[in-house]
Amino acid sequence: MLIHPQFDPVALSLGPVSIHWYGITYLVAFMLFLGLARWRLQHEPYASLSKSGTWNVQFIDDLMTYGLLGVVLGGRLGYCLFYQPGYYAAHPLEIAYVWQGGMSFHGGMLGVIGAMALAAWRKKRHWLEVTDFVAPCVPTGLAAGRIGNFINGELWGRAADPSLPWAMAFPQSGSQWPRHPSQIYQFLLEGLLLFAVLWWLARKPRPTGWVSGVFLVGYGSLRFAAEYFREPDAHLGLLSLGLSMGQWLCVPMVLIGIGLMVWSQRRLVPVDHT
C-alpha cells in the first residue's frame, strides 16, 4: 500500500508571503488556457476570423479575465449554495471568506458560462460560439486543479481493496485505511481524456453549440463515474439513490449537454464566417 507523501502545501515562502502549491496549479491552469486558446486561434474557422479582427489575441485575454472572475465568484457561490446552504444562510458574511476554502466546480462552471455570455454580448458574438471555442481549452486546467488536490491530500477516495497496487493511505483522512487516489482518477478522466477527445473533435468546424454540448456530456459522465471512487463530503454523505452531491449535479449537466447537441445538429448553424 502506498502512503500519501503529505507535501508541504506551501511551495515557497518569501518573508511574510507564502506561495501555495494550490495557487501555483491555478496559475498553471490559466497559463494552459491562454496557450491552448492561442493555438486554437490558428484552427479554422478562427484562423480566418482572426484575419478580419473578429477573433484575436486581445479577445482571448479578455475571455481569460472574464473566466477568472466567473471561476472565483461562481465556484464560491456554488459551494455555499450546493454544499452548505444552511450554514451560509446563517453566516452570510463568511461567503466572502474564500481563504477558508470551499469551491464548487459546478458553481464555477455556471460562473464561467455567465462570464462568457457577457463577453460574447460585448463582442457581439453568439455566446455558444464563444463557449465552443473555450470548451476544448478547459480540461487541462481541470487536470492541474486535481494535481493541486492531490498535493494537498484533500478530496481523497473511498476505501479500496488493500491488494490494489495503487491503493493509497491518506493520513489527512484520520486513518491509515487504503483508499482510491480519486484525485488522480479525475486528473486522468476529466482532465487528460476529456481534453484529448474535445481537442480532436473540435479540430473540424461543428454546428454552433455542439462542442459545448460534448463538453457537458463528457465532463458530466466522467465526473459521475469518478464519484464512485471519491469519498462523499462528510457533512452530506450519500444522498438519494446512493448518489453523491457531485453525481446529482452532473445529471442535469449531461441532460442539458445531450439536448444542446441534438438542438445544434437539427439547427445546423455553422460558425459564423463573416
Protein backbone atom coordinates (compact mmCIF):
# COMPACT_ATOMS: atom_id res chain seq x y z
CA MET A 1 0.00 0.00 0.00
CA LEU A 2 1.23 3.46 -0.88
CA ILE A 3 1.29 6.33 1.60
CA HIS A 4 0.44 9.86 0.56
CA PRO A 5 3.69 11.90 0.72
CA GLN A 6 1.98 14.70 2.70
CA PHE A 7 3.56 17.52 0.75
CA ASP A 8 4.06 20.85 2.42
CA PRO A 9 1.17 22.92 0.98
CA VAL A 10 3.50 25.94 0.88
CA ALA A 11 5.73 25.75 -2.17
CA LEU A 12 7.75 28.88 -1.44
CA SER A 13 7.97 31.42 1.36
CA LEU A 14 9.23 34.95 0.73
CA GLY A 15 9.22 36.66 4.10
CA PRO A 16 5.62 37.03 5.23
CA VAL A 17 4.35 35.91 1.81
CA SER A 18 3.63 32.22 1.28
CA ILE A 19 3.05 30.77 -2.17
CA HIS A 20 0.91 27.64 -2.00
CA TRP A 21 1.06 24.75 -4.43
CA TYR A 22 -2.67 25.06 -4.97
CA GLY A 23 -2.21 28.64 -6.10
CA ILE A 24 0.53 27.52 -8.47
CA THR A 25 -1.75 24.89 -10.01
CA TYR A 26 -4.38 27.60 -10.59
CA LEU A 27 -1.72 29.72 -12.30
CA VAL A 28 -0.70 26.74 -14.44
CA ALA A 29 -4.36 26.17 -15.32
CA PHE A 30 -4.80 29.73 -16.57
CA MET A 31 -1.50 29.67 -18.47
CA LEU A 32 -2.53 26.43 -20.18
CA PHE A 33 -5.81 28.02 -21.16
CA LEU A 34 -4.03 31.00 -22.71
CA GLY A 35 -1.59 28.80 -24.62
CA LEU A 36 -4.25 26.42 -25.92
CA ALA A 37 -6.62 29.26 -26.83
CA ARG A 38 -3.91 30.96 -28.89
CA TRP A 39 -3.16 27.64 -30.57
CA ARG A 40 -6.86 27.11 -31.24
CA LEU A 41 -6.96 30.54 -32.84
CA GLN A 42 -4.82 29.04 -35.64
CA HIS A 43 -7.51 26.46 -36.46
CA GLU A 44 -10.37 27.11 -38.85
CA PRO A 45 -12.74 28.86 -38.79
CA TYR A 46 -11.00 31.01 -36.16
CA ALA A 47 -7.88 31.49 -38.28
CA SER A 48 -9.97 33.19 -40.97
CA LEU A 49 -11.95 35.14 -38.41
CA SER A 50 -8.76 36.40 -36.76
CA LYS A 51 -7.67 37.97 -40.03
CA SER A 52 -10.82 40.06 -40.04
CA GLY A 53 -10.23 41.09 -36.45
CA THR A 54 -13.32 39.28 -35.12
CA TRP A 55 -11.22 36.84 -33.09
CA ASN A 56 -7.80 37.89 -31.88
CA VAL A 57 -5.35 37.56 -29.01
CA GLN A 58 -6.87 40.56 -27.23
CA PHE A 59 -10.26 38.84 -27.17
CA ILE A 60 -8.63 35.72 -25.70
CA ASP A 61 -7.05 37.83 -22.97
CA ASP A 62 -10.47 39.34 -22.28
CA LEU A 63 -12.01 35.87 -22.08
CA MET A 64 -9.32 34.92 -19.59
CA THR A 65 -10.20 37.88 -17.37
CA TYR A 66 -13.92 37.17 -17.54
CA GLY A 67 -13.32 33.48 -16.96
CA LEU A 68 -11.17 34.13 -13.89
CA LEU A 69 -13.94 36.20 -12.31
CA GLY A 70 -16.52 33.58 -13.24
CA VAL A 71 -14.50 30.75 -11.71
CA VAL A 72 -13.91 32.53 -8.40
CA LEU A 73 -17.37 34.04 -7.94
CA GLY A 74 -19.32 31.11 -9.32
CA GLY A 75 -17.18 28.50 -7.61
CA ARG A 76 -17.57 30.12 -4.21
CA LEU A 77 -21.27 30.86 -4.51
CA GLY A 78 -21.89 27.38 -5.89
CA TYR A 79 -20.17 25.78 -2.92
CA CYS A 80 -22.18 27.85 -0.46
CA LEU A 81 -25.46 27.12 -2.25
CA PHE A 82 -24.98 23.46 -3.15
CA TYR A 83 -22.99 22.10 -0.23
CA GLN A 84 -23.67 24.20 2.88
CA PRO A 85 -26.69 26.45 2.22
CA GLY A 86 -27.92 26.37 5.82
CA TYR A 87 -24.59 27.39 7.31
CA TYR A 88 -24.00 30.29 4.93
CA ALA A 89 -27.60 31.46 5.24
CA ALA A 90 -26.88 31.86 8.94
CA HIS A 91 -23.38 33.33 8.34
CA PRO A 92 -23.70 35.30 5.07
CA LEU A 93 -20.56 37.37 5.63
CA GLU A 94 -18.45 34.19 5.52
CA ILE A 95 -19.40 33.70 1.88
CA ALA A 96 -16.58 36.16 1.15
CA TYR A 97 -14.05 34.16 3.21
CA VAL A 98 -12.56 32.41 0.19
CA TRP A 99 -9.29 31.81 2.05
CA GLN A 100 -11.09 29.31 4.27
CA GLY A 101 -11.58 27.03 1.27
CA GLY A 102 -14.74 25.75 -0.34
CA MET A 103 -15.14 25.91 -4.13
CA SER A 104 -17.56 24.03 -6.36
CA PHE A 105 -16.72 23.03 -9.92
CA HIS A 106 -20.36 23.11 -10.97
CA GLY A 107 -20.76 26.59 -9.50
CA GLY A 108 -17.55 27.69 -11.20
CA MET A 109 -18.83 26.31 -14.50
CA LEU A 110 -22.06 28.30 -14.18
CA GLY A 111 -19.98 31.36 -13.34
CA VAL A 112 -17.82 30.86 -16.43
CA ILE A 113 -20.88 30.36 -18.65
CA GLY A 114 -22.28 33.65 -17.38
CA ALA A 115 -18.92 35.35 -17.89
CA MET A 116 -18.65 34.01 -21.45
CA ALA A 117 -22.18 35.20 -22.21
CA LEU A 118 -21.23 38.68 -21.03
CA ALA A 119 -18.03 38.64 -23.09
CA ALA A 120 -19.94 37.43 -26.16
CA TRP A 121 -22.56 40.16 -25.74
CA ARG A 122 -19.88 42.85 -25.53
CA LYS A 123 -18.15 41.42 -28.60
CA LYS A 124 -21.47 40.96 -30.41
CA ARG A 125 -20.87 37.24 -30.91
CA HIS A 126 -23.19 34.27 -30.30
CA TRP A 127 -22.46 33.08 -26.75
CA LEU A 128 -22.41 29.41 -27.84
CA GLU A 129 -19.76 30.27 -30.40
CA VAL A 130 -17.64 31.57 -27.53
CA THR A 131 -18.26 28.53 -25.32
CA ASP A 132 -17.47 26.25 -28.28
CA PHE A 133 -14.12 27.99 -28.62
CA VAL A 134 -13.36 27.83 -24.90
CA ALA A 135 -14.52 24.27 -24.12
CA PRO A 136 -11.50 22.32 -25.51
CA CYS A 137 -9.13 24.64 -23.63
CA VAL A 138 -10.66 23.95 -20.20
CA PRO A 139 -9.88 20.28 -19.30
CA THR A 140 -6.13 20.77 -18.87
CA GLY A 141 -6.91 23.42 -16.27
CA LEU A 142 -9.17 20.94 -14.50
CA ALA A 143 -6.29 18.45 -14.58
CA ALA A 144 -3.99 21.00 -12.95
CA GLY A 145 -6.56 21.58 -10.23
CA ARG A 146 -6.75 17.86 -9.44
CA ILE A 147 -2.98 17.77 -9.06
CA GLY A 148 -3.41 20.57 -6.53
CA ASN A 149 -6.00 18.45 -4.68
CA PHE A 150 -3.56 15.53 -4.60
CA ILE A 151 -0.66 17.65 -3.33
CA ASN A 152 -2.91 18.97 -0.56
CA GLY A 153 -4.07 15.46 0.29
CA GLU A 154 -7.72 16.53 0.03
CA LEU A 155 -10.77 15.05 -1.68
CA TRP A 156 -9.38 11.57 -1.11
CA GLY A 157 -11.08 8.46 -2.40
CA ARG A 158 -13.28 5.81 -0.87
CA ALA A 159 -11.87 2.73 0.81
CA ALA A 160 -10.08 0.41 -1.62
CA ASP A 161 -9.09 -3.24 -1.63
CA PRO A 162 -5.65 -3.42 0.04
CA SER A 163 -4.47 -5.61 -2.84
CA LEU A 164 -4.98 -2.76 -5.32
CA PRO A 165 -1.42 -1.86 -6.40
CA TRP A 166 -2.05 1.89 -6.32
CA ALA A 167 -4.24 1.97 -3.19
CA MET A 168 -3.02 4.81 -1.01
CA ALA A 169 -3.40 5.78 2.63
CA PHE A 170 -4.20 9.45 3.26
CA PRO A 171 -3.24 10.29 6.86
CA GLN A 172 -5.22 13.51 6.43
CA SER A 173 -8.37 11.37 6.43
CA GLY A 174 -7.69 10.35 10.04
CA SER A 175 -6.94 6.72 9.23
CA GLN A 176 -4.38 4.54 7.51
CA TRP A 177 -7.02 2.64 5.56
CA PRO A 178 -6.12 2.17 1.87
CA ARG A 179 -8.12 4.40 -0.43
CA HIS A 180 -8.53 5.12 -4.11
CA PRO A 181 -6.41 8.12 -5.19
CA SER A 182 -9.52 9.63 -6.74
CA GLN A 183 -7.76 12.93 -7.48
CA ILE A 184 -5.55 11.05 -9.95
CA TYR A 185 -8.55 9.31 -11.47
CA GLN A 186 -10.15 12.69 -12.07
CA PHE A 187 -6.88 14.10 -13.39
CA LEU A 188 -6.79 11.32 -15.99
CA LEU A 189 -10.51 11.26 -16.86
CA GLU A 190 -11.88 14.79 -16.58
CA GLY A 191 -8.51 16.28 -17.42
CA LEU A 192 -6.42 14.42 -19.96
CA LEU A 193 -9.02 12.13 -21.55
CA LEU A 194 -11.65 14.85 -21.91
CA PHE A 195 -9.05 17.22 -23.34
CA ALA A 196 -7.92 14.67 -25.95
CA VAL A 197 -11.50 13.93 -27.05
CA LEU A 198 -12.61 17.56 -27.21
CA TRP A 199 -9.48 18.78 -28.95
CA TRP A 200 -9.78 16.05 -31.59
CA LEU A 201 -13.49 16.67 -32.20
CA ALA A 202 -13.10 20.45 -32.31
CA ARG A 203 -10.40 20.37 -35.00
CA LYS A 204 -13.20 20.40 -37.60
CA PRO A 205 -15.95 23.03 -37.86
CA ARG A 206 -19.04 21.88 -35.98
CA PRO A 207 -22.59 23.24 -35.64
CA THR A 208 -22.77 26.06 -33.12
CA GLY A 209 -23.25 24.65 -29.62
CA TRP A 210 -22.22 21.09 -30.45
CA VAL A 211 -18.75 21.22 -28.89
CA SER A 212 -20.19 22.85 -25.78
CA GLY A 213 -22.70 20.00 -25.56
CA VAL A 214 -19.93 17.42 -25.86
CA PHE A 215 -18.09 19.11 -23.00
CA LEU A 216 -21.15 18.97 -20.76
CA VAL A 217 -21.85 15.32 -21.56
CA GLY A 218 -18.19 14.32 -21.36
CA TYR A 219 -17.39 16.04 -18.08
CA GLY A 220 -20.70 15.11 -16.50
CA SER A 221 -20.33 11.43 -17.41
CA LEU A 222 -16.69 11.14 -16.37
CA ARG A 223 -17.23 13.02 -13.11
CA PHE A 224 -20.29 10.86 -12.35
CA ALA A 225 -18.16 7.73 -12.79
CA ALA A 226 -15.22 9.12 -10.78
CA GLU A 227 -17.53 9.97 -7.87
CA TYR A 228 -17.99 6.24 -7.20
CA PHE A 229 -14.33 6.23 -6.11
CA ARG A 230 -14.34 9.56 -4.27
CA GLU A 231 -15.27 9.90 -0.61
CA PRO A 232 -18.52 11.89 -0.31
CA ASP A 233 -18.48 15.14 1.63
CA ALA A 234 -18.57 14.25 5.32
CA HIS A 235 -21.41 16.64 6.15
CA LEU A 236 -23.55 15.37 3.28
CA GLY A 237 -22.71 11.71 2.78
CA LEU A 238 -24.65 9.90 0.07
CA LEU A 239 -27.99 11.32 -0.95
CA SER A 240 -31.00 9.78 -2.71
CA LEU A 241 -30.38 6.57 -4.68
CA GLY A 242 -26.96 6.32 -3.02
CA LEU A 243 -25.54 9.11 -5.17
CA SER A 244 -23.26 11.91 -4.00
CA MET A 245 -23.99 15.60 -4.41
CA GLY A 246 -21.40 15.71 -7.20
CA GLN A 247 -23.25 12.99 -9.08
CA TRP A 248 -26.63 14.68 -8.71
CA LEU A 249 -25.16 17.92 -10.02
CA CYS A 250 -23.82 16.02 -13.04
CA VAL A 251 -27.24 14.65 -14.03
CA PRO A 252 -28.71 17.95 -15.34
CA MET A 253 -25.31 18.75 -16.83
CA VAL A 254 -25.42 15.60 -19.00
CA LEU A 255 -29.08 16.08 -19.94
CA ILE A 256 -28.51 19.70 -20.98
CA GLY A 257 -25.44 18.62 -22.95
CA ILE A 258 -27.40 15.98 -24.85
CA GLY A 259 -30.17 18.47 -25.56
CA LEU A 260 -27.64 21.02 -26.79
CA MET A 261 -26.00 18.51 -29.14
CA VAL A 262 -29.38 17.44 -30.58
CA TRP A 263 -30.51 21.04 -30.95
CA SER A 264 -27.30 22.09 -32.69
CA GLN A 265 -27.44 19.19 -35.15
CA ARG A 266 -31.05 19.91 -36.04
CA ARG A 267 -30.44 23.60 -36.34
CA LEU A 268 -27.21 23.07 -38.27
CA VAL A 269 -25.93 26.58 -37.76
CA PRO A 270 -22.23 26.66 -38.69
CA VAL A 271 -19.78 29.01 -37.02
CA ASP A 272 -20.22 32.49 -38.47
CA HIS A 273 -17.50 33.24 -41.05
CA THR A 274 -18.40 36.90 -41.50
